[in-house]
Amino acid sequence: MLQSAHKLKGFGIAATDGHIGHIKDVYFDDQKWTIRYFVVDTGGWLSGRKVLISPVSFHDPDWKGKMIRVDLTRQQIEDSPGIDTDQPVSRRQEAELFRHYDYPFYWTGPLLWGYGAFPPLGGTLGAGETGRERTAGDADPATEAEHADSHLCSSNEVIGYTIRATDDAVGHVEDFLFDDEDWSIRFMLVDTRNWWPGKHVLVSPQLVKSVSWGDSNVFVDISREAVESSLEFDWSNPPSRDTATSLYRDSGRPPEMR
């Protein structure tokens, strides 16, 4: 099922032994367009400290009750590496976080979650799930992390950015819709009403050429007319997962390997 990234704000997060806090922001990867972390405000429990929680930790989200349970203890979270969420998160910091939780690095393989199409259940990847095992010839992912860009973006930041087609501005980003099985972002929800007597339309993130942080723009590789004629979005009748594949096909872009 497709879910709204914006509507995740305020969801409660519960550890195996008690409440942790609530979601303040969502960090996604702008290369593979996948949600990587939730920024969780711990409130008075950790003196207002914010922590990053990965979908790798999630267990049976309650979408109606707005609660996500994680397979972590409060002590594990309290002992996690400190990260300043007001600054860009580096790949080195990600590596420290994943080592703390003993999770496999998602950036070491070709699929959304490394060598798996889905976040590893229980935080471990068996041979049957990965399709391969690391060999002595593989690069050390921790060493690679020292020189790599994490490509993490804040949804709070990007929501509101102007959509710029190949020939004109056409709207702004209002939300991201993601698949609640693999946490991939399937659509950008674009509000075109400030530019013409418009509507909300869905645009595949595979059409994004670049994101410009300095002037708050998202550049897409299609014309304004193509954006305007994209699939209209209706909250009462959200699109299915199969619609994403159709959008990729219609745009001439094959779906990513998953």
C-alpha atoms as a PDB file:
ATOM      1  CA  MET A   1       0.000   0.000   0.000  1.00  0.00           C
ATOM      2  CA  LEU A   2       1.142   3.557  -0.692  1.00  0.00           C
ATOM      3  CA  GLN A   3       1.536   5.904   2.280  1.00  0.00           C
ATOM      4  CA  SER A   4       2.144   9.643   2.692  1.00  0.00           C
ATOM      5  CA  ALA A   5       5.570  10.729   3.952  1.00  0.00           C
ATOM      6  CA  HIS A   6       4.163  14.051   5.158  1.00  0.00           C
ATOM      7  CA  LYS A   7       1.455  12.357   7.216  1.00  0.00           C
ATOM      8  CA  LEU A   8       4.098  10.329   9.092  1.00  0.00           C
ATOM      9  CA  LYS A   9       4.965  13.427  11.121  1.00  0.00           C
ATOM     10  CA  GLY A  10       3.674  12.962  14.641  1.00  0.00           C
ATOM     11  CA  PHE A  11       3.552   9.154  14.515  1.00  0.00           C
ATOM     12  CA  GLY A  12       4.603   7.604  17.807  1.00  0.00           C
ATOM     13  CA  ILE A  13       7.629   5.290  18.012  1.00  0.00           C
ATOM     14  CA  ALA A  14       7.705   2.524  20.617  1.00  0.00           C
ATOM     15  CA  ALA A  15      10.681   0.358  21.604  1.00  0.00           C
ATOM     16  CA  THR A  16      10.283  -3.178  22.934  1.00  0.00           C
ATOM     17  CA  ASP A  17      10.235  -1.767  26.472  1.00  0.00           C
ATOM     18  CA  GLY A  18       8.514   1.583  26.213  1.00  0.00           C
ATOM     19  CA  HIS A  19       7.731   4.735  24.272  1.00  0.00           C
ATOM     20  CA  ILE A  20      10.596   6.533  22.498  1.00  0.00           C
ATOM     21  CA  GLY A  21       9.095   9.664  21.003  1.00  0.00           C
ATOM     22  CA  HIS A  22       7.455  10.833  17.785  1.00  0.00           C
ATOM     23  CA  ILE A  23       8.499  11.391  14.172  1.00  0.00           C
ATOM     24  CA  LYS A  24       9.660  14.896  13.261  1.00  0.00           C
ATOM     25  CA  ASP A  25      11.074  14.314   9.770  1.00  0.00           C
ATOM     26  CA  VAL A  26      11.790  11.688   7.124  1.00  0.00           C
ATOM     27  CA  TYR A  27      15.188  11.297   5.430  1.00  0.00           C
ATOM     28  CA  PHE A  28      15.208   9.754   1.968  1.00  0.00           C
ATOM     29  CA  ASP A  29      17.947   8.772  -0.449  1.00  0.00           C
ATOM     30  CA  ASP A  30      17.749  10.911  -3.615  1.00  0.00           C
ATOM     31  CA  GLN A  31      19.618   8.322  -5.706  1.00  0.00           C
ATOM     32  CA  LYS A  32      17.440   5.271  -5.144  1.00  0.00           C
ATOM     33  CA  TRP A  33      14.506   7.301  -3.827  1.00  0.00           C
ATOM     34  CA  THR A  34      14.006   5.225  -0.710  1.00  0.00           C
ATOM     35  CA  ILE A  35      13.194   6.268   2.856  1.00  0.00           C
ATOM     36  CA  ARG A  36      16.273   5.538   4.991  1.00  0.00           C
ATOM     37  CA  TYR A  37      15.512   7.095   8.401  1.00  0.00           C
ATOM     38  CA  PHE A  38      12.943   8.738  10.584  1.00  0.00           C
ATOM     39  CA  VAL A  39      14.088  11.627  12.750  1.00  0.00           C
ATOM     40  CA  VAL A  40      12.538  10.863  16.135  1.00  0.00           C
ATOM     41  CA  ASP A  41      12.156  13.544  18.796  1.00  0.00           C
ATOM     42  CA  THR A  42      12.625  11.804  22.144  1.00  0.00           C
ATOM     43  CA  GLY A  43      11.109  14.685  24.119  1.00  0.00           C
ATOM     44  CA  GLY A  44      11.875  14.700  27.842  1.00  0.00           C
ATOM     45  CA  TRP A  45      13.139  11.130  27.845  1.00  0.00           C
ATOM     46  CA  LEU A  46      16.572  12.023  26.398  1.00  0.00           C
ATOM     47  CA  SER A  47      16.358  15.750  27.127  1.00  0.00           C
ATOM     48  CA  GLY A  48      14.938  16.502  23.699  1.00  0.00           C
ATOM     49  CA  ARG A  49      17.640  14.622  21.819  1.00  0.00           C
ATOM     50  CA  LYS A  50      16.715  13.578  18.266  1.00  0.00           C
ATOM     51  CA  VAL A  51      17.714  10.128  17.019  1.00  0.00           C
ATOM     52  CA  LEU A  52      17.667   8.362  13.659  1.00  0.00           C
ATOM     53  CA  ILE A  53      15.662   5.142  13.339  1.00  0.00           C
ATOM     54  CA  SER A  54      15.881   2.998  10.195  1.00  0.00           C
ATOM     55  CA  PRO A  55      13.014   0.971   8.682  1.00  0.00           C
ATOM     56  CA  VAL A  56      15.324  -2.000   9.251  1.00  0.00           C
ATOM     57  CA  SER A  57      14.164  -1.775  12.884  1.00  0.00           C
ATOM     58  CA  PHE A  58      10.444  -1.595  12.172  1.00  0.00           C
ATOM     59  CA  HIS A  59       7.951  -4.208  13.252  1.00  0.00           C
ATOM     60  CA  ASP A  60       4.273  -4.127  12.171  1.00  0.00           C
ATOM     61  CA  PRO A  61       3.532  -0.400  11.774  1.00  0.00           C
ATOM     62  CA  ASP A  62       0.029   0.547  12.896  1.00  0.00           C
ATOM     63  CA  TRP A  63      -0.971   3.005  10.183  1.00  0.00           C
ATOM     64  CA  LYS A  64      -4.450   3.685  11.547  1.00  0.00           C
ATOM     65  CA  GLY A  65      -3.243   4.074  15.129  1.00  0.00           C
ATOM     66  CA  LYS A  66      -0.266   6.199  14.000  1.00  0.00           C
ATOM     67  CA  MET A  67       2.237   4.075  15.901  1.00  0.00           C
ATOM     68  CA  ILE A  68       5.381   2.256  14.726  1.00  0.00           C
ATOM     69  CA  ARG A  69       7.013  -0.372  16.909  1.00  0.00           C
ATOM     70  CA  VAL A  70      10.727  -1.053  16.554  1.00  0.00           C
ATOM     71  CA  ASP A  71      12.796  -4.093  17.465  1.00  0.00           C
ATOM     72  CA  LEU A  72      15.100  -2.033  19.680  1.00  0.00           C
ATOM     73  CA  THR A  73      15.310  -1.392  23.391  1.00  0.00           C
ATOM     74  CA  ARG A  74      15.328   2.059  24.936  1.00  0.00           C
ATOM     75  CA  GLN A  75      18.887   1.377  26.118  1.00  0.00           C
ATOM     76  CA  GLN A  76      20.059   0.610  22.579  1.00  0.00           C
ATOM     77  CA  ILE A  77      18.605   3.883  21.389  1.00  0.00           C
ATOM     78  CA  GLU A  78      20.046   5.836  24.313  1.00  0.00           C
ATOM     79  CA  ASP A  79      23.516   4.404  23.577  1.00  0.00           C
ATOM     80  CA  SER A  80      23.304   5.106  19.811  1.00  0.00           C
ATOM     81  CA  PRO A  81      25.894   7.468  18.255  1.00  0.00           C
ATOM     82  CA  GLY A  82      25.011  11.137  18.587  1.00  0.00           C
ATOM     83  CA  ILE A  83      23.951  12.824  15.349  1.00  0.00           C
ATOM     84  CA  ASP A  84      23.169  16.505  14.858  1.00  0.00           C
ATOM     85  CA  THR A  85      20.010  16.377  12.731  1.00  0.00           C
ATOM     86  CA  ASP A  86      20.359  20.112  12.016  1.00  0.00           C
ATOM     87  CA  GLN A  87      23.437  19.279   9.910  1.00  0.00           C
ATOM     88  CA  PRO A  88      23.832  16.964   6.884  1.00  0.00           C
ATOM     89  CA  VAL A  89      24.295  13.327   7.934  1.00  0.00           C
ATOM     90  CA  SER A  90      27.501  11.854   6.494  1.00  0.00           C
ATOM     91  CA  ARG A  91      27.953   8.318   5.262  1.00  0.00           C
ATOM     92  CA  ARG A  92      30.566   7.833   7.987  1.00  0.00           C
ATOM     93  CA  GLN A  93      27.942   8.683  10.609  1.00  0.00           C
ATOM     94  CA  GLU A  94      25.535   6.256   8.954  1.00  0.00           C
ATOM     95  CA  ALA A  95      28.168   3.526   9.141  1.00  0.00           C
ATOM     96  CA  GLU A  96      28.642   4.165  12.864  1.00  0.00           C
ATOM     97  CA  LEU A  97      24.881   3.964  13.403  1.00  0.00           C
ATOM     98  CA  PHE A  98      24.535   0.697  11.489  1.00  0.00           C
ATOM     99  CA  ARG A  99      27.502  -0.831  13.293  1.00  0.00           C
ATOM    100  CA  HIS A 100      25.910   0.120  16.619  1.00  0.00           C
ATOM    101  CA  TYR A 101      22.715  -1.739  15.716  1.00  0.00           C
ATOM    102  CA  ASP A 102      24.629  -4.533  13.923  1.00  0.00           C
ATOM    103  CA  TYR A 103      22.728  -3.966  10.676  1.00  0.00           C
ATOM    104  CA  PRO A 104      24.071  -4.625   7.153  1.00  0.00           C
ATOM    105  CA  PHE A 105      24.931  -1.511   5.145  1.00  0.00           C
ATOM    106  CA  TYR A 106      22.283  -0.721   2.530  1.00  0.00           C
ATOM    107  CA  TRP A 107      24.735   1.006   0.148  1.00  0.00           C
ATOM    108  CA  THR A 108      26.900  -2.049  -0.564  1.00  0.00           C
ATOM    109  CA  GLY A 109      24.743  -3.675  -3.257  1.00  0.00           C
ATOM    110  CA  PRO A 110      22.673  -2.873  -6.362  1.00  0.00           C
ATOM    111  CA  LEU A 111      19.205  -3.186  -4.824  1.00  0.00           C
ATOM    112  CA  LEU A 112      17.239  -0.864  -2.552  1.00  0.00           C
ATOM    113  CA  TRP A 113      18.607  -2.417   0.629  1.00  0.00           C
ATOM    114  CA  GLY A 114      22.039  -3.539  -0.519  1.00  0.00           C
ATOM    115  CA  TYR A 115      21.635  -7.091  -1.732  1.00  0.00           C
ATOM    116  CA  GLY A 116      17.971  -7.294  -0.757  1.00  0.00           C
ATOM    117  CA  ALA A 117      14.850  -5.681  -2.182  1.00  0.00           C
ATOM    118  CA  PHE A 118      13.371  -5.134   1.290  1.00  0.00           C
ATOM    119  CA  PRO A 119      14.705  -4.075   4.698  1.00  0.00           C
ATOM    120  CA  PRO A 120      16.158  -7.208   6.316  1.00  0.00           C
ATOM    121  CA  LEU A 121      13.830  -8.748   8.861  1.00  0.00           C
ATOM    122  CA  GLY A 122      15.407  -8.606  12.291  1.00  0.00           C
ATOM    123  CA  GLY A 123      18.296  -6.590  10.881  1.00  0.00           C
ATOM    124  CA  THR A 124      20.120  -9.568   9.384  1.00  0.00           C
ATOM    125  CA  LEU A 125      20.458 -10.734   5.808  1.00  0.00           C
ATOM    126  CA  GLY A 126      20.693 -14.445   5.235  1.00  0.00           C
ATOM    127  CA  ALA A 127      22.233 -15.938   2.108  1.00  0.00           C
ATOM    128  CA  GLY A 128      18.790 -16.683   0.717  1.00  0.00           C
ATOM    129  CA  GLU A 129      17.719 -13.059   1.113  1.00  0.00           C
ATOM    130  CA  THR A 130      20.824 -11.405  -0.267  1.00  0.00           C
ATOM    131  CA  GLY A 131      21.406 -13.655  -3.244  1.00  0.00           C
ATOM    132  CA  ARG A 132      25.144 -13.545  -2.502  1.00  0.00           C
ATOM    133  CA  GLU A 133      27.574 -13.306   0.381  1.00  0.00           C
ATOM    134  CA  ARG A 134      30.406 -10.839   0.698  1.00  0.00           C
ATOM    135  CA  THR A 135      33.768 -12.237  -0.355  1.00  0.00           C
ATOM    136  CA  ALA A 136      37.336 -11.360   0.543  1.00  0.00           C
ATOM    137  CA  GLY A 137      37.585  -9.299  -2.652  1.00  0.00           C
ATOM    138  CA  ASP A 138      34.722  -6.987  -1.729  1.00  0.00           C
ATOM    139  CA  ALA A 139      35.553  -3.459  -0.602  1.00  0.00           C
ATOM    140  CA  ASP A 140      35.109  -2.710   3.071  1.00  0.00           C
ATOM    141  CA  PRO A 141      31.841  -0.706   3.313  1.00  0.00           C
ATOM    142  CA  ALA A 142      33.088   1.111   6.399  1.00  0.00           C
ATOM    143  CA  THR A 143      36.169   2.286   4.492  1.00  0.00           C
ATOM    144  CA  GLU A 144      34.021   3.293   1.505  1.00  0.00           C
ATOM    145  CA  ALA A 145      31.860   5.338   3.846  1.00  0.00           C
ATOM    146  CA  GLU A 146      34.756   7.684   4.652  1.00  0.00           C
ATOM    147  CA  HIS A 147      34.680   9.055   1.093  1.00  0.00           C
ATOM    148  CA  ALA A 148      31.054   8.608   0.030  1.00  0.00           C
ATOM    149  CA  ASP A 149      28.107  10.990  -0.116  1.00  0.00           C
ATOM    150  CA  SER A 150      25.077   9.768   1.810  1.00  0.00           C
ATOM    151  CA  HIS A 151      22.593  11.429  -0.608  1.00  0.00           C
ATOM    152  CA  LEU A 152      20.154  11.913   2.269  1.00  0.00           C
ATOM    153  CA  CYS A 153      17.447  14.562   1.913  1.00  0.00           C
ATOM    154  CA  SER A 154      14.936  15.892   4.433  1.00  0.00           C
ATOM    155  CA  SER A 155      11.316  15.594   3.311  1.00  0.00           C
ATOM    156  CA  ASN A 156      10.519  18.625   5.481  1.00  0.00           C
ATOM    157  CA  GLU A 157      13.033  20.574   3.404  1.00  0.00           C
ATOM    158  CA  VAL A 158      12.032  19.373  -0.077  1.00  0.00           C
ATOM    159  CA  ILE A 159       8.264  19.636   0.424  1.00  0.00           C
ATOM    160  CA  GLY A 160       7.430  23.085  -0.941  1.00  0.00           C
ATOM    161  CA  TYR A 161      10.232  23.118  -3.527  1.00  0.00           C
ATOM    162  CA  THR A 162       9.269  24.391  -7.001  1.00  0.00           C
ATOM    163  CA  ILE A 163       8.948  21.807  -9.772  1.00  0.00           C
ATOM    164  CA  ARG A 164      10.767  23.031 -12.860  1.00  0.00           C
ATOM    165  CA  ALA A 165      10.019  21.203 -16.086  1.00  0.00           C
ATOM    166  CA  THR A 166      12.251  21.435 -19.153  1.00  0.00           C
ATOM    167  CA  ASP A 167      10.405  24.547 -20.345  1.00  0.00           C
ATOM    168  CA  ASP A 168       8.809  26.248 -17.308  1.00  0.00           C
ATOM    169  CA  ALA A 169       7.905  26.107 -13.634  1.00  0.00           C
ATOM    170  CA  VAL A 170       4.782  24.031 -13.102  1.00  0.00           C
ATOM    171  CA  GLY A 171       4.016  23.569  -9.408  1.00  0.00           C
ATOM    172  CA  HIS A 172       5.553  22.578  -6.110  1.00  0.00           C
ATOM    173  CA  VAL A 173       6.245  19.387  -4.178  1.00  0.00           C
ATOM    174  CA  GLU A 174       3.438  18.745  -1.718  1.00  0.00           C
ATOM    175  CA  ASP A 175       4.229  15.217  -0.557  1.00  0.00           C
ATOM    176  CA  PHE A 176       5.941  11.918  -1.316  1.00  0.00           C
ATOM    177  CA  LEU A 177       4.061   8.635  -1.610  1.00  0.00           C
ATOM    178  CA  PHE A 178       6.030   5.551  -0.595  1.00  0.00           C
ATOM    179  CA  ASP A 179       5.510   1.791  -0.682  1.00  0.00           C
ATOM    180  CA  ASP A 180       5.105   0.503   2.882  1.00  0.00           C
ATOM    181  CA  GLU A 181       6.794  -2.827   2.059  1.00  0.00           C
ATOM    182  CA  ASP A 182      10.151  -1.710   0.656  1.00  0.00           C
ATOM    183  CA  TRP A 183       9.966   1.994   1.686  1.00  0.00           C
ATOM    184  CA  SER A 184      10.672   3.164  -1.864  1.00  0.00           C
ATOM    185  CA  ILE A 185       9.251   6.538  -2.906  1.00  0.00           C
ATOM    186  CA  ARG A 186       7.005   5.797  -5.865  1.00  0.00           C
ATOM    187  CA  PHE A 187       5.631   9.282  -6.553  1.00  0.00           C
ATOM    188  CA  MET A 188       6.082  12.961  -5.893  1.00  0.00           C
ATOM    189  CA  LEU A 189       2.727  14.619  -5.268  1.00  0.00           C
ATOM    190  CA  VAL A 190       2.832  17.905  -7.196  1.00  0.00           C
ATOM    191  CA  ASP A 191       0.426  20.775  -6.525  1.00  0.00           C
ATOM    192  CA  THR A 192      -0.011  22.770  -9.760  1.00  0.00           C
ATOM    193  CA  ARG A 193      -2.749  25.116  -8.555  1.00  0.00           C
ATOM    194  CA  ASN A 194      -0.502  28.155  -8.081  1.00  0.00           C
ATOM    195  CA  TRP A 195       0.536  28.064 -11.739  1.00  0.00           C
ATOM    196  CA  TRP A 196      -2.753  27.342 -13.547  1.00  0.00           C
ATOM    197  CA  PRO A 197      -6.327  26.239 -12.681  1.00  0.00           C
ATOM    198  CA  GLY A 198      -4.770  22.975 -11.720  1.00  0.00           C
ATOM    199  CA  LYS A 199      -4.867  19.936  -9.544  1.00  0.00           C
ATOM    200  CA  HIS A 200      -2.637  17.489  -7.713  1.00  0.00           C
ATOM    201  CA  VAL A 201      -0.724  15.178 -10.029  1.00  0.00           C
ATOM    202  CA  LEU A 202       1.728  12.320  -9.539  1.00  0.00           C
ATOM    203  CA  VAL A 203       5.225  12.466 -11.003  1.00  0.00           C
ATOM    204  CA  SER A 204       7.690   9.604 -10.905  1.00  0.00           C
ATOM    205  CA  PRO A 205      10.924  10.427  -9.015  1.00  0.00           C
ATOM    206  CA  GLN A 206      12.747   8.585 -11.822  1.00  0.00           C
ATOM    207  CA  LEU A 207      12.119  11.747 -13.884  1.00  0.00           C
ATOM    208  CA  VAL A 208      14.047  13.994 -11.474  1.00  0.00           C
ATOM    209  CA  LYS A 209      17.268  15.336 -12.997  1.00  0.00           C
ATOM    210  CA  SER A 210      18.501  17.213  -9.939  1.00  0.00           C
ATOM    211  CA  VAL A 211      17.533  18.923  -6.701  1.00  0.00           C
ATOM    212  CA  SER A 212      18.846  22.460  -6.203  1.00  0.00           C
ATOM    213  CA  TRP A 213      19.152  23.285  -2.513  1.00  0.00           C
ATOM    214  CA  GLY A 214      20.294  26.871  -3.028  1.00  0.00           C
ATOM    215  CA  ASP A 215      17.145  28.034  -4.818  1.00  0.00           C
ATOM    216  CA  SER A 216      14.671  25.337  -3.674  1.00  0.00           C
ATOM    217  CA  ASN A 217      13.990  23.758  -7.064  1.00  0.00           C
ATOM    218  CA  VAL A 218      13.399  20.215  -8.281  1.00  0.00           C
ATOM    219  CA  PHE A 219      14.232  19.818 -11.979  1.00  0.00           C
ATOM    220  CA  VAL A 220      12.365  17.122 -13.917  1.00  0.00           C
ATOM    221  CA  ASP A 221      13.200  15.779 -17.370  1.00  0.00           C
ATOM    222  CA  ILE A 222       9.750  16.315 -18.901  1.00  0.00           C
ATOM    223  CA  SER A 223       7.833  19.304 -20.239  1.00  0.00           C
ATOM    224  CA  ARG A 224       5.293  21.400 -18.369  1.00  0.00           C
ATOM    225  CA  GLU A 225       2.564  19.910 -20.545  1.00  0.00           C
ATOM    226  CA  ALA A 226       3.672  16.392 -19.575  1.00  0.00           C
ATOM    227  CA  VAL A 227       3.497  17.294 -15.876  1.00  0.00           C
ATOM    228  CA  GLU A 228       0.064  18.849 -16.318  1.00  0.00           C
ATOM    229  CA  SER A 229      -1.206  15.686 -18.030  1.00  0.00           C
ATOM    230  CA  SER A 230       0.246  13.335 -15.403  1.00  0.00           C
ATOM    231  CA  LEU A 231      -1.989  11.087 -13.355  1.00  0.00           C
ATOM    232  CA  GLU A 232      -4.313  13.120 -11.132  1.00  0.00           C
ATOM    233  CA  PHE A 233      -4.236  12.211  -7.446  1.00  0.00           C
ATOM    234  CA  ASP A 234      -7.291  11.622  -5.294  1.00  0.00           C
ATOM    235  CA  TRP A 235      -6.830  10.790  -1.589  1.00  0.00           C
ATOM    236  CA  SER A 236     -10.087   8.807  -1.639  1.00  0.00           C
ATOM    237  CA  ASN A 237      -8.755   6.580  -4.421  1.00  0.00           C
ATOM    238  CA  PRO A 238      -4.961   6.299  -4.069  1.00  0.00           C
ATOM    239  CA  PRO A 239      -3.007   4.501  -6.810  1.00  0.00           C
ATOM    240  CA  SER A 240      -1.908   0.896  -6.500  1.00  0.00           C
ATOM    241  CA  ARG A 241       1.680  -0.340  -6.620  1.00  0.00           C
ATOM    242  CA  ASP A 242       1.106  -1.436 -10.212  1.00  0.00           C
ATOM    243  CA  THR A 243       0.417   2.175 -11.179  1.00  0.00           C
ATOM    244  CA  ALA A 244       4.048   3.030 -10.446  1.00  0.00           C
ATOM    245  CA  THR A 245       5.251   0.524 -13.014  1.00  0.00           C
ATOM    246  CA  SER A 246       2.811   1.960 -15.544  1.00  0.00           C
ATOM    247  CA  LEU A 247       4.115   5.465 -14.892  1.00  0.00           C
ATOM    248  CA  TYR A 248       7.697   4.357 -15.462  1.00  0.00           C
ATOM    249  CA  ARG A 249       6.677   2.638 -18.698  1.00  0.00           C
ATOM    250  CA  ASP A 250       4.706   5.657 -19.933  1.00  0.00           C
ATOM    251  CA  SER A 251       7.686   7.929 -19.283  1.00  0.00           C
ATOM    252  CA  GLY A 252      10.020   5.629 -21.197  1.00  0.00           C
ATOM    253  CA  ARG A 253      11.946   4.778 -18.017  1.00  0.00           C
ATOM    254  CA  PRO A 254      12.039   1.116 -16.938  1.00  0.00           C
ATOM    255  CA  PRO A 255      11.428   0.420 -13.243  1.00  0.00           C
ATOM    256  CA  GLU A 256      14.511  -0.059 -11.043  1.00  0.00           C
ATOM    257  CA  MET A 257      15.552  -3.519  -9.970  1.00  0.00           C
ATOM    258  CA  ARG A 258      13.909  -4.322  -6.647  1.00  0.00           C
END
